[in-house]
């Protein structure tokens, strides 16, 4: 199975400092989980489209290709006023957020202890 995101892309963007990378990963995960909660908590399709659009950009930046694709699909469904489509996609979206969480956790496990 492919990685949820491309950590090497983060290294290219932010350098290879473990603290910085860990912080960026945690912030991204917080953003993704926040988007997931927002989408779950509303039927406002305009709000869902905005959240999905925001996450699409952030996902692309760190190389989370599958999550970015899910955000694109969610944004399109929301803009098409397809709430049932949004709800169908939401499960796959949540799975991708979980894959990111697992990878972030794994990356954190490989970081040297901070003193």
PDB file of N, CA and C in Angstrom:
ATOM      1  N   UNK A   1       0.845  -1.189   0.000  1.00  0.00           N
ATOM      2  CA  UNK A   1       0.000   0.000   0.000  1.00  0.00           C
ATOM      3  C   UNK A   1       0.888   1.250   0.000  1.00  0.00           C
ATOM      4  N   UNK A   2       0.476   2.248  -0.735  1.00  0.00           N
ATOM      5  CA  UNK A   2       1.253   3.479  -0.809  1.00  0.00           C
ATOM      6  C   UNK A   2       1.110   4.273   0.484  1.00  0.00           C
ATOM      7  N   UNK A   3       2.049   5.142   0.700  1.00  0.00           N
ATOM      8  CA  UNK A   3       2.030   6.016   1.873  1.00  0.00           C
ATOM      9  C   UNK A   3       0.893   7.019   1.732  1.00  0.00           C
ATOM     10  N   UNK A   4       0.405   7.480   2.876  1.00  0.00           N
ATOM     11  CA  UNK A   4      -0.693   8.454   2.881  1.00  0.00           C
ATOM     12  C   UNK A   4      -0.222   9.817   2.385  1.00  0.00           C
ATOM     13  N   UNK A   5       1.044  10.128   2.614  1.00  0.00           N
ATOM     14  CA  UNK A   5       1.621  11.372   2.122  1.00  0.00           C
ATOM     15  C   UNK A   5       3.113  11.170   1.906  1.00  0.00           C
ATOM     16  N   UNK A   6       3.715  12.091   1.188  1.00  0.00           N
ATOM     17  CA  UNK A   6       5.113  11.979   0.793  1.00  0.00           C
ATOM     18  C   UNK A   6       5.981  12.790   1.752  1.00  0.00           C
ATOM     19  N   UNK A   7       6.563  12.123   2.716  1.00  0.00           N
ATOM     20  CA  UNK A   7       7.378  12.822   3.722  1.00  0.00           C
ATOM     21  C   UNK A   7       8.577  13.513   3.075  1.00  0.00           C
ATOM     22  N   UNK A   8       9.077  12.960   1.993  1.00  0.00           N
ATOM     23  CA  UNK A   8      10.204  13.596   1.300  1.00  0.00           C
ATOM     24  C   UNK A   8       9.815  14.971   0.765  1.00  0.00           C
ATOM     25  N   UNK A   9       8.568  15.127   0.398  1.00  0.00           N
ATOM     26  CA  UNK A   9       8.085  16.435  -0.055  1.00  0.00           C
ATOM     27  C   UNK A   9       8.165  17.438   1.088  1.00  0.00           C
ATOM     28  N   UNK A  10       7.842  16.982   2.290  1.00  0.00           N
ATOM     29  CA  UNK A  10       7.972  17.853   3.458  1.00  0.00           C
ATOM     30  C   UNK A  10       9.420  18.250   3.687  1.00  0.00           C
ATOM     31  N   UNK A  11      10.323  17.297   3.535  1.00  0.00           N
ATOM     32  CA  UNK A  11      11.747  17.588   3.711  1.00  0.00           C
ATOM     33  C   UNK A  11      12.196  18.637   2.696  1.00  0.00           C
ATOM     34  N   UNK A  12      11.728  18.505   1.451  1.00  0.00           N
ATOM     35  CA  UNK A  12      12.071  19.499   0.425  1.00  0.00           C
ATOM     36  C   UNK A  12      11.565  20.887   0.808  1.00  0.00           C
ATOM     37  N   UNK A  13      10.377  20.948   1.374  1.00  0.00           N
ATOM     38  CA  UNK A  13       9.766  22.231   1.704  1.00  0.00           C
ATOM     39  C   UNK A  13      10.292  22.836   3.005  1.00  0.00           C
ATOM     40  N   UNK A  14      10.548  21.983   4.014  1.00  0.00           N
ATOM     41  CA  UNK A  14      10.829  22.494   5.353  1.00  0.00           C
ATOM     42  C   UNK A  14      12.184  22.107   5.910  1.00  0.00           C
ATOM     43  N   UNK A  15      12.973  21.344   5.152  1.00  0.00           N
ATOM     44  CA  UNK A  15      14.256  20.878   5.672  1.00  0.00           C
ATOM     45  C   UNK A  15      14.067  19.577   6.425  1.00  0.00           C
ATOM     46  N   UNK A  16      15.170  19.048   6.929  1.00  0.00           N
ATOM     47  CA  UNK A  16      15.073  17.729   7.561  1.00  0.00           C
ATOM     48  C   UNK A  16      15.170  17.764   9.084  1.00  0.00           C
ATOM     49  N   UNK A  17      14.849  18.909   9.679  1.00  0.00           N
ATOM     50  CA  UNK A  17      14.831  18.997  11.136  1.00  0.00           C
ATOM     51  C   UNK A  17      13.636  18.200  11.671  1.00  0.00           C
ATOM     52  N   UNK A  18      13.894  17.195  12.504  1.00  0.00           N
ATOM     53  CA  UNK A  18      12.814  16.343  12.995  1.00  0.00           C
ATOM     54  C   UNK A  18      11.708  17.111  13.732  1.00  0.00           C
ATOM     55  N   UNK A  19      12.084  18.115  14.499  1.00  0.00           N
ATOM     56  CA  UNK A  19      11.069  18.888  15.223  1.00  0.00           C
ATOM     57  C   UNK A  19      10.154  19.636  14.263  1.00  0.00           C
ATOM     58  N   UNK A  20      10.750  20.270  13.276  1.00  0.00           N
ATOM     59  CA  UNK A  20       9.965  21.027  12.304  1.00  0.00           C
ATOM     60  C   UNK A  20       9.041  20.100  11.531  1.00  0.00           C
ATOM     61  N   UNK A  21       9.580  18.981  11.068  1.00  0.00           N
ATOM     62  CA  UNK A  21       8.761  18.028  10.316  1.00  0.00           C
ATOM     63  C   UNK A  21       7.613  17.495  11.179  1.00  0.00           C
ATOM     64  N   UNK A  22       7.910  17.162  12.411  1.00  0.00           N
ATOM     65  CA  UNK A  22       6.873  16.667  13.312  1.00  0.00           C
ATOM     66  C   UNK A  22       5.781  17.701  13.541  1.00  0.00           C
ATOM     67  N   UNK A  23       6.183  18.949  13.672  1.00  0.00           N
ATOM     68  CA  UNK A  23       5.212  20.022  13.879  1.00  0.00           C
ATOM     69  C   UNK A  23       4.324  20.199  12.648  1.00  0.00           C
ATOM     70  N   UNK A  24       4.946  20.190  11.466  1.00  0.00           N
ATOM     71  CA  UNK A  24       4.175  20.334  10.226  1.00  0.00           C
ATOM     72  C   UNK A  24       3.207  19.164  10.070  1.00  0.00           C
ATOM     73  N   UNK A  25       3.679  17.965  10.346  1.00  0.00           N
ATOM     74  CA  UNK A  25       2.812  16.783  10.243  1.00  0.00           C
ATOM     75  C   UNK A  25       1.631  16.877  11.213  1.00  0.00           C
ATOM     76  N   UNK A  26       1.903  17.260  12.446  1.00  0.00           N
ATOM     77  CA  UNK A  26       0.819  17.372  13.432  1.00  0.00           C
ATOM     78  C   UNK A  26      -0.175  18.465  13.045  1.00  0.00           C
ATOM     79  N   UNK A  27       0.334  19.593  12.546  1.00  0.00           N
ATOM     80  CA  UNK A  27      -0.557  20.672  12.121  1.00  0.00           C
ATOM     81  C   UNK A  27      -1.427  20.234  10.943  1.00  0.00           C
ATOM     82  N   UNK A  28      -0.836  19.528  10.003  1.00  0.00           N
ATOM     83  CA  UNK A  28      -1.615  19.040   8.876  1.00  0.00           C
ATOM     84  C   UNK A  28      -2.682  18.063   9.358  1.00  0.00           C
ATOM     85  N   UNK A  29      -2.298  17.156  10.232  1.00  0.00           N
ATOM     86  CA  UNK A  29      -3.259  16.187  10.748  1.00  0.00           C
ATOM     87  C   UNK A  29      -4.392  16.899  11.490  1.00  0.00           C
ATOM     88  N   UNK A  30      -4.061  17.907  12.275  1.00  0.00           N
ATOM     89  CA  UNK A  30      -5.105  18.686  12.954  1.00  0.00           C
ATOM     90  C   UNK A  30      -6.049  19.335  11.943  1.00  0.00           C
ATOM     91  N   UNK A  31      -5.478  19.869  10.855  1.00  0.00           N
ATOM     92  CA  UNK A  31      -6.285  20.481   9.798  1.00  0.00           C
ATOM     93  C   UNK A  31      -7.199  19.444   9.153  1.00  0.00           C
ATOM     94  N   UNK A  32      -6.657  18.277   8.843  1.00  0.00           N
ATOM     95  CA  UNK A  32      -7.447  17.216   8.198  1.00  0.00           C
ATOM     96  C   UNK A  32      -8.551  16.732   9.124  1.00  0.00           C
ATOM     97  N   UNK A  33      -8.228  16.535  10.395  1.00  0.00           N
ATOM     98  CA  UNK A  33      -9.258  16.081  11.347  1.00  0.00           C
ATOM     99  C   UNK A  33     -10.322  17.162  11.546  1.00  0.00           C
ATOM    100  N   UNK A  34      -9.897  18.411  11.576  1.00  0.00           N
ATOM    101  CA  UNK A  34     -10.851  19.514  11.691  1.00  0.00           C
ATOM    102  C   UNK A  34     -11.795  19.552  10.502  1.00  0.00           C
ATOM    103  N   UNK A  35     -11.242  19.347   9.306  1.00  0.00           N
ATOM    104  CA  UNK A  35     -12.073  19.311   8.099  1.00  0.00           C
ATOM    105  C   UNK A  35     -13.060  18.162   8.176  1.00  0.00           C
ATOM    106  N   UNK A  36     -12.590  17.028   8.636  1.00  0.00           N
ATOM    107  CA  UNK A  36     -13.469  15.863   8.771  1.00  0.00           C
ATOM    108  C   UNK A  36     -14.628  16.174   9.728  1.00  0.00           C
ATOM    109  N   UNK A  37     -14.331  16.795  10.865  1.00  0.00           N
ATOM    110  CA  UNK A  37     -15.382  17.160  11.822  1.00  0.00           C
ATOM    111  C   UNK A  37     -16.360  18.172  11.228  1.00  0.00           C
ATOM    112  N   UNK A  38     -15.821  19.157  10.515  1.00  0.00           N
ATOM    113  CA  UNK A  38     -16.690  20.173   9.903  1.00  0.00           C
ATOM    114  C   UNK A  38     -17.641  19.549   8.890  1.00  0.00           C
ATOM    115  N   UNK A  39     -17.125  18.651   8.073  1.00  0.00           N
ATOM    116  CA  UNK A  39     -17.960  18.006   7.059  1.00  0.00           C
ATOM    117  C   UNK A  39     -19.011  17.125   7.717  1.00  0.00           C
ATOM    118  N   UNK A  40     -18.628  16.446   8.788  1.00  0.00           N
ATOM    119  CA  UNK A  40     -19.567  15.592   9.504  1.00  0.00           C
ATOM    120  C   UNK A  40     -20.672  16.410  10.160  1.00  0.00           C
ATOM    121  N   UNK A  41     -20.309  17.586  10.654  1.00  0.00           N
ATOM    122  CA  UNK A  41     -21.222  18.350  11.477  1.00  0.00           C
ATOM    123  C   UNK A  41     -22.156  19.297  10.756  1.00  0.00           C
ATOM    124  N   UNK A  42     -22.188  19.271   9.433  1.00  0.00           N
ATOM    125  CA  UNK A  42     -23.039  20.223   8.724  1.00  0.00           C
ATOM    126  C   UNK A  42     -23.631  19.631   7.457  1.00  0.00           C
ATOM    127  N   UNK A  43     -24.741  20.204   7.064  1.00  0.00           N
ATOM    128  CA  UNK A  43     -25.331  19.908   5.760  1.00  0.00           C
ATOM    129  C   UNK A  43     -25.176  21.113   4.829  1.00  0.00           C
ATOM    130  N   UNK A  44     -24.447  22.125   5.284  1.00  0.00           N
ATOM    131  CA  UNK A  44     -24.223  23.346   4.511  1.00  0.00           C
ATOM    132  C   UNK A  44     -23.212  23.041   3.404  1.00  0.00           C
ATOM    133  N   UNK A  45     -23.708  22.865   2.194  1.00  0.00           N
ATOM    134  CA  UNK A  45     -22.848  22.452   1.079  1.00  0.00           C
ATOM    135  C   UNK A  45     -21.802  23.497   0.726  1.00  0.00           C
ATOM    136  N   UNK A  46     -22.117  24.778   0.892  1.00  0.00           N
ATOM    137  CA  UNK A  46     -21.121  25.822   0.623  1.00  0.00           C
ATOM    138  C   UNK A  46     -19.977  25.721   1.626  1.00  0.00           C
ATOM    139  N   UNK A  47     -20.291  25.462   2.891  1.00  0.00           N
ATOM    140  CA  UNK A  47     -19.254  25.307   3.916  1.00  0.00           C
ATOM    141  C   UNK A  47     -18.408  24.064   3.633  1.00  0.00           C
ATOM    142  N   UNK A  48     -19.063  22.979   3.236  1.00  0.00           N
ATOM    143  CA  UNK A  48     -18.334  21.748   2.904  1.00  0.00           C
ATOM    144  C   UNK A  48     -17.399  21.986   1.731  1.00  0.00           C
ATOM    145  N   UNK A  49     -17.859  22.697   0.717  1.00  0.00           N
ATOM    146  CA  UNK A  49     -17.013  22.998  -0.446  1.00  0.00           C
ATOM    147  C   UNK A  49     -15.793  23.812  -0.022  1.00  0.00           C
ATOM    148  N   UNK A  50     -15.985  24.792   0.862  1.00  0.00           N
ATOM    149  CA  UNK A  50     -14.850  25.614   1.331  1.00  0.00           C
ATOM    150  C   UNK A  50     -13.843  24.783   2.109  1.00  0.00           C
ATOM    151  N   UNK A  51     -14.339  23.933   3.003  1.00  0.00           N
ATOM    152  CA  UNK A  51     -13.459  23.075   3.801  1.00  0.00           C
ATOM    153  C   UNK A  51     -12.687  22.130   2.891  1.00  0.00           C
ATOM    154  N   UNK A  52     -13.387  21.511   1.950  1.00  0.00           N
ATOM    155  CA  UNK A  52     -12.738  20.573   1.028  1.00  0.00           C
ATOM    156  C   UNK A  52     -11.693  21.285   0.171  1.00  0.00           C
ATOM    157  N   UNK A  53     -12.001  22.490  -0.267  1.00  0.00           N
ATOM    158  CA  UNK A  53     -11.062  23.253  -1.081  1.00  0.00           C
ATOM    159  C   UNK A  53      -9.800  23.569  -0.290  1.00  0.00           C
ATOM    160  N   UNK A  54      -9.975  23.986   0.943  1.00  0.00           N
ATOM    161  CA  UNK A  54      -8.830  24.304   1.810  1.00  0.00           C
ATOM    162  C   UNK A  54      -7.953  23.071   2.010  1.00  0.00           C
ATOM    163  N   UNK A  55      -8.588  21.930   2.271  1.00  0.00           N
ATOM    164  CA  UNK A  55      -7.821  20.710   2.503  1.00  0.00           C
ATOM    165  C   UNK A  55      -7.170  20.199   1.218  1.00  0.00           C
ATOM    166  N   UNK A  56      -7.824  20.435   0.095  1.00  0.00           N
ATOM    167  CA  UNK A  56      -7.245  20.038  -1.194  1.00  0.00           C
ATOM    168  C   UNK A  56      -5.872  20.678  -1.371  1.00  0.00           C
ATOM    169  N   UNK A  57      -5.776  21.965  -1.090  1.00  0.00           N
ATOM    170  CA  UNK A  57      -4.509  22.665  -1.226  1.00  0.00           C
ATOM    171  C   UNK A  57      -3.459  22.184  -0.240  1.00  0.00           C
ATOM    172  N   UNK A  58      -3.858  22.030   1.008  1.00  0.00           N
ATOM    173  CA  UNK A  58      -2.912  21.574   2.031  1.00  0.00           C
ATOM    174  C   UNK A  58      -2.427  20.160   1.738  1.00  0.00           C
ATOM    175  N   UNK A  59      -3.333  19.304   1.282  1.00  0.00           N
ATOM    176  CA  UNK A  59      -2.963  17.919   0.965  1.00  0.00           C
ATOM    177  C   UNK A  59      -1.984  17.869  -0.197  1.00  0.00           C
ATOM    178  N   UNK A  60      -2.247  18.682  -1.192  1.00  0.00           N
ATOM    179  CA  UNK A  60      -1.345  18.726  -2.341  1.00  0.00           C
ATOM    180  C   UNK A  60       0.037  19.184  -1.951  1.00  0.00           C
ATOM    181  N   UNK A  61       0.096  20.136  -1.031  1.00  0.00           N
ATOM    182  CA  UNK A  61       1.387  20.676  -0.610  1.00  0.00           C
ATOM    183  C   UNK A  61       2.278  19.609   0.015  1.00  0.00           C
ATOM    184  N   UNK A  62       1.701  18.698   0.789  1.00  0.00           N
ATOM    185  CA  UNK A  62       2.536  17.695   1.451  1.00  0.00           C
ATOM    186  C   UNK A  62       2.565  16.360   0.709  1.00  0.00           C
ATOM    187  N   UNK A  63       1.938  16.306  -0.442  1.00  0.00           N
ATOM    188  CA  UNK A  63       1.985  15.072  -1.222  1.00  0.00           C
ATOM    189  C   UNK A  63       1.016  14.007  -0.748  1.00  0.00           C
ATOM    190  N   UNK A  64      -0.092  14.413  -0.122  1.00  0.00           N
ATOM    191  CA  UNK A  64      -1.137  13.470   0.277  1.00  0.00           C
ATOM    192  C   UNK A  64      -2.102  13.348  -0.906  1.00  0.00           C
ATOM    193  N   UNK A  65      -1.673  12.617  -1.916  1.00  0.00           N
ATOM    194  CA  UNK A  65      -2.375  12.562  -3.192  1.00  0.00           C
ATOM    195  C   UNK A  65      -3.789  12.014  -3.048  1.00  0.00           C
ATOM    196  N   UNK A  66      -3.956  10.898  -2.363  1.00  0.00           N
ATOM    197  CA  UNK A  66      -5.288  10.300  -2.234  1.00  0.00           C
ATOM    198  C   UNK A  66      -6.226  11.222  -1.461  1.00  0.00           C
ATOM    199  N   UNK A  67      -5.727  11.854  -0.392  1.00  0.00           N
ATOM    200  CA  UNK A  67      -6.562  12.764   0.374  1.00  0.00           C
ATOM    201  C   UNK A  67      -6.925  13.990  -0.452  1.00  0.00           C
ATOM    202  N   UNK A  68      -5.992  14.477  -1.231  1.00  0.00           N
ATOM    203  CA  UNK A  68      -6.263  15.607  -2.110  1.00  0.00           C
ATOM    204  C   UNK A  68      -7.350  15.245  -3.123  1.00  0.00           C
ATOM    205  N   UNK A  69      -7.272  14.052  -3.686  1.00  0.00           N
ATOM    206  CA  UNK A  69      -8.306  13.597  -4.641  1.00  0.00           C
ATOM    207  C   UNK A  69      -9.674  13.493  -3.970  1.00  0.00           C
ATOM    208  N   UNK A  70      -9.699  13.000  -2.743  1.00  0.00           N
ATOM    209  CA  UNK A  70     -10.960  12.904  -2.012  1.00  0.00           C
ATOM    210  C   UNK A  70     -11.515  14.300  -1.752  1.00  0.00           C
ATOM    211  N   UNK A  71     -10.654  15.246  -1.423  1.00  0.00           N
ATOM    212  CA  UNK A  71     -11.097  16.619  -1.186  1.00  0.00           C
ATOM    213  C   UNK A  71     -11.668  17.223  -2.471  1.00  0.00           C
ATOM    214  N   UNK A  72     -11.030  16.944  -3.598  1.00  0.00           N
ATOM    215  CA  UNK A  72     -11.540  17.418  -4.889  1.00  0.00           C
ATOM    216  C   UNK A  72     -12.943  16.849  -5.138  1.00  0.00           C
ATOM    217  N   UNK A  73     -13.093  15.557  -4.912  1.00  0.00           N
ATOM    218  CA  UNK A  73     -14.393  14.915  -5.137  1.00  0.00           C
ATOM    219  C   UNK A  73     -15.454  15.486  -4.197  1.00  0.00           C
ATOM    220  N   UNK A  74     -15.090  15.701  -2.948  1.00  0.00           N
ATOM    221  CA  UNK A  74     -16.033  16.295  -1.989  1.00  0.00           C
ATOM    222  C   UNK A  74     -16.418  17.705  -2.405  1.00  0.00           C
ATOM    223  N   UNK A  75     -15.435  18.484  -2.826  1.00  0.00           N
ATOM    224  CA  UNK A  75     -15.715  19.853  -3.259  1.00  0.00           C
ATOM    225  C   UNK A  75     -16.671  19.849  -4.454  1.00  0.00           C
ATOM    226  N   UNK A  76     -16.413  18.980  -5.414  1.00  0.00           N
ATOM    227  CA  UNK A  76     -17.287  18.899  -6.597  1.00  0.00           C
ATOM    228  C   UNK A  76     -18.705  18.494  -6.223  1.00  0.00           C
ATOM    229  N   UNK A  77     -18.811  17.493  -5.367  1.00  0.00           N
ATOM    230  CA  UNK A  77     -20.141  17.041  -4.950  1.00  0.00           C
ATOM    231  C   UNK A  77     -20.876  18.157  -4.215  1.00  0.00           C
ATOM    232  N   UNK A  78     -20.174  18.858  -3.350  1.00  0.00           N
ATOM    233  CA  UNK A  78     -20.804  19.948  -2.605  1.00  0.00           C
ATOM    234  C   UNK A  78     -21.245  21.068  -3.548  1.00  0.00           C
ATOM    235  N   UNK A  79     -20.393  21.416  -4.507  1.00  0.00           N
ATOM    236  CA  UNK A  79     -20.752  22.474  -5.453  1.00  0.00           C
ATOM    237  C   UNK A  79     -21.897  22.057  -6.373  1.00  0.00           C
ATOM    238  N   UNK A  80     -22.071  20.750  -6.551  1.00  0.00           N
ATOM    239  CA  UNK A  80     -23.169  20.240  -7.376  1.00  0.00           C
ATOM    240  C   UNK A  80     -24.446  20.037  -6.552  1.00  0.00           C
ATOM    241  N   UNK A  81     -24.424  20.508  -5.313  1.00  0.00           N
ATOM    242  CA  UNK A  81     -25.574  20.360  -4.406  1.00  0.00           C
ATOM    243  C   UNK A  81     -25.959  18.902  -4.203  1.00  0.00           C
ATOM    244  N   UNK A  82     -24.953  18.039  -4.121  1.00  0.00           N
ATOM    245  CA  UNK A  82     -25.167  16.596  -3.977  1.00  0.00           C
ATOM    246  C   UNK A  82     -24.791  16.151  -2.560  1.00  0.00           C
ATOM    247  N   UNK A  83     -25.693  16.412  -1.609  1.00  0.00           N
ATOM    248  CA  UNK A  83     -25.411  16.051  -0.223  1.00  0.00           C
ATOM    249  C   UNK A  83     -25.257  14.548  -0.043  1.00  0.00           C
ATOM    250  N   UNK A  84     -26.054  13.755  -0.738  1.00  0.00           N
ATOM    251  CA  UNK A  84     -25.912  12.301  -0.609  1.00  0.00           C
ATOM    252  C   UNK A  84     -24.551  11.851  -1.146  1.00  0.00           C
ATOM    253  N   UNK A  85     -24.068  12.486  -2.208  1.00  0.00           N
ATOM    254  CA  UNK A  85     -22.733  12.187  -2.722  1.00  0.00           C
ATOM    255  C   UNK A  85     -21.655  12.567  -1.723  1.00  0.00           C
ATOM    256  N   UNK A  86     -21.817  13.711  -1.083  1.00  0.00           N
ATOM    257  CA  UNK A  86     -20.872  14.138  -0.047  1.00  0.00           C
ATOM    258  C   UNK A  86     -20.824  13.096   1.063  1.00  0.00           C
ATOM    259  N   UNK A  87     -21.983  12.636   1.491  1.00  0.00           N
ATOM    260  CA  UNK A  87     -22.032  11.646   2.581  1.00  0.00           C
ATOM    261  C   UNK A  87     -21.396  10.320   2.153  1.00  0.00           C
ATOM    262  N   UNK A  88     -21.595   9.921   0.913  1.00  0.00           N
ATOM    263  CA  UNK A  88     -20.958   8.684   0.421  1.00  0.00           C
ATOM    264  C   UNK A  88     -19.437   8.832   0.410  1.00  0.00           C
ATOM    265  N   UNK A  89     -18.962   9.966  -0.047  1.00  0.00           N
ATOM    266  CA  UNK A  89     -17.514  10.198  -0.126  1.00  0.00           C
ATOM    267  C   UNK A  89     -16.888  10.371   1.245  1.00  0.00           C
ATOM    268  N   UNK A  90     -17.683  10.822   2.191  1.00  0.00           N
ATOM    269  CA  UNK A  90     -17.152  11.132   3.513  1.00  0.00           C
ATOM    270  C   UNK A  90     -16.481   9.927   4.174  1.00  0.00           C
ATOM    271  N   UNK A  91     -17.027   8.738   3.988  1.00  0.00           N
ATOM    272  CA  UNK A  91     -16.417   7.545   4.569  1.00  0.00           C
ATOM    273  C   UNK A  91     -15.016   7.294   4.027  1.00  0.00           C
ATOM    274  N   UNK A  92     -14.860   7.417   2.720  1.00  0.00           N
ATOM    275  CA  UNK A  92     -13.529   7.235   2.111  1.00  0.00           C
ATOM    276  C   UNK A  92     -12.585   8.346   2.553  1.00  0.00           C
ATOM    277  N   UNK A  93     -13.115   9.555   2.647  1.00  0.00           N
ATOM    278  CA  UNK A  93     -12.338  10.696   3.116  1.00  0.00           C
ATOM    279  C   UNK A  93     -11.822  10.420   4.534  1.00  0.00           C
ATOM    280  N   UNK A  94     -12.695   9.934   5.395  1.00  0.00           N
ATOM    281  CA  UNK A  94     -12.305   9.632   6.775  1.00  0.00           C
ATOM    282  C   UNK A  94     -11.220   8.567   6.826  1.00  0.00           C
ATOM    283  N   UNK A  95     -11.310   7.577   5.942  1.00  0.00           N
ATOM    284  CA  UNK A  95     -10.276   6.539   5.893  1.00  0.00           C
ATOM    285  C   UNK A  95      -8.928   7.134   5.508  1.00  0.00           C
ATOM    286  N   UNK A  96      -8.928   8.071   4.583  1.00  0.00           N
ATOM    287  CA  UNK A  96      -7.668   8.708   4.176  1.00  0.00           C
ATOM    288  C   UNK A  96      -7.095   9.560   5.309  1.00  0.00           C
ATOM    289  N   UNK A  97      -7.956  10.247   6.037  1.00  0.00           N
ATOM    290  CA  UNK A  97      -7.483  11.021   7.194  1.00  0.00           C
ATOM    291  C   UNK A  97      -6.846  10.064   8.203  1.00  0.00           C
ATOM    292  N   UNK A  98      -7.460   8.904   8.396  1.00  0.00           N
ATOM    293  CA  UNK A  98      -6.898   7.921   9.324  1.00  0.00           C
ATOM    294  C   UNK A  98      -5.549   7.406   8.833  1.00  0.00           C
ATOM    295  N   UNK A  99      -5.411   7.201   7.535  1.00  0.00           N
ATOM    296  CA  UNK A  99      -4.100   6.766   6.995  1.00  0.00           C
ATOM    297  C   UNK A  99      -3.030   7.812   7.262  1.00  0.00           C
ATOM    298  N   UNK A 100      -3.380   9.075   7.123  1.00  0.00           N
ATOM    299  CA  UNK A 100      -2.428  10.151   7.451  1.00  0.00           C
ATOM    300  C   UNK A 100      -2.064  10.074   8.924  1.00  0.00           C
ATOM    301  N   UNK A 101      -3.065   9.888   9.778  1.00  0.00           N
ATOM    302  CA  UNK A 101      -2.819   9.818  11.220  1.00  0.00           C
ATOM    303  C   UNK A 101      -1.864   8.680  11.558  1.00  0.00           C
ATOM    304  N   UNK A 102      -2.064   7.537  10.926  1.00  0.00           N
ATOM    305  CA  UNK A 102      -1.181   6.391  11.172  1.00  0.00           C
ATOM    306  C   UNK A 102       0.237   6.723  10.736  1.00  0.00           C
ATOM    307  N   UNK A 103       0.387   7.322   9.562  1.00  0.00           N
ATOM    308  CA  UNK A 103       1.725   7.646   9.079  1.00  0.00           C
ATOM    309  C   UNK A 103       2.374   8.712   9.957  1.00  0.00           C
ATOM    310  N   UNK A 104       1.623   9.711  10.370  1.00  0.00           N
ATOM    311  CA  UNK A 104       2.179  10.730  11.268  1.00  0.00           C
ATOM    312  C   UNK A 104       2.637  10.070  12.563  1.00  0.00           C
ATOM    313  N   UNK A 105       1.831   9.148  13.077  1.00  0.00           N
ATOM    314  CA  UNK A 105       2.215   8.437  14.297  1.00  0.00           C
ATOM    315  C   UNK A 105       3.467   7.624  14.097  1.00  0.00           C
ATOM    316  N   UNK A 106       3.575   6.977  12.960  1.00  0.00           N
ATOM    317  CA  UNK A 106       4.766   6.189  12.646  1.00  0.00           C
ATOM    318  C   UNK A 106       5.975   7.091  12.504  1.00  0.00           C
ATOM    319  N   UNK A 107       5.800   8.219  11.831  1.00  0.00           N
ATOM    320  CA  UNK A 107       6.911   9.168  11.672  1.00  0.00           C
ATOM    321  C   UNK A 107       7.341   9.691  13.026  1.00  0.00           C
ATOM    322  N   UNK A 108       6.380   9.977  13.908  1.00  0.00           N
ATOM    323  CA  UNK A 108       6.714  10.476  15.243  1.00  0.00           C
ATOM    324  C   UNK A 108       7.483   9.428  16.021  1.00  0.00           C
ATOM    325  N   UNK A 109       7.133   8.156  15.811  1.00  0.00           N
ATOM    326  CA  UNK A 109       7.831   7.074  16.512  1.00  0.00           C
ATOM    327  C   UNK A 109       9.286   6.960  16.097  1.00  0.00           C
ATOM    328  N   UNK A 110       9.635   7.426  14.899  1.00  0.00           N
ATOM    329  CA  UNK A 110      10.999   7.315  14.417  1.00  0.00           C
ATOM    330  C   UNK A 110      11.824   8.545  14.734  1.00  0.00           C
ATOM    331  N   UNK A 111      11.196   9.562  15.319  1.00  0.00           N
ATOM    332  CA  UNK A 111      11.914  10.792  15.646  1.00  0.00           C
ATOM    333  C   UNK A 111      12.741  10.571  16.914  1.00  0.00           C
ATOM    334  N   UNK A 112      13.902  11.229  17.001  1.00  0.00           N
ATOM    335  CA  UNK A 112      14.687  11.125  18.238  1.00  0.00           C
ATOM    336  C   UNK A 112      13.925  11.786  19.384  1.00  0.00           C
ATOM    337  N   UNK A 113      14.161  11.294  20.570  1.00  0.00           N
ATOM    338  CA  UNK A 113      13.504  11.865  21.743  1.00  0.00           C
ATOM    339  C   UNK A 113      13.908  13.326  21.911  1.00  0.00           C
ATOM    340  N   UNK A 114      12.944  14.146  22.255  1.00  0.00           N
ATOM    341  CA  UNK A 114      13.200  15.559  22.481  1.00  0.00           C
ATOM    342  C   UNK A 114      13.492  15.766  23.958  1.00  0.00           C
ATOM    343  N   UNK A 115      14.575  16.442  24.224  1.00  0.00           N
ATOM    344  CA  UNK A 115      14.978  16.660  25.627  1.00  0.00           C
ATOM    345  C   UNK A 115      14.585  18.042  26.072  1.00  0.00           C
TER     346      UNK A 115
END
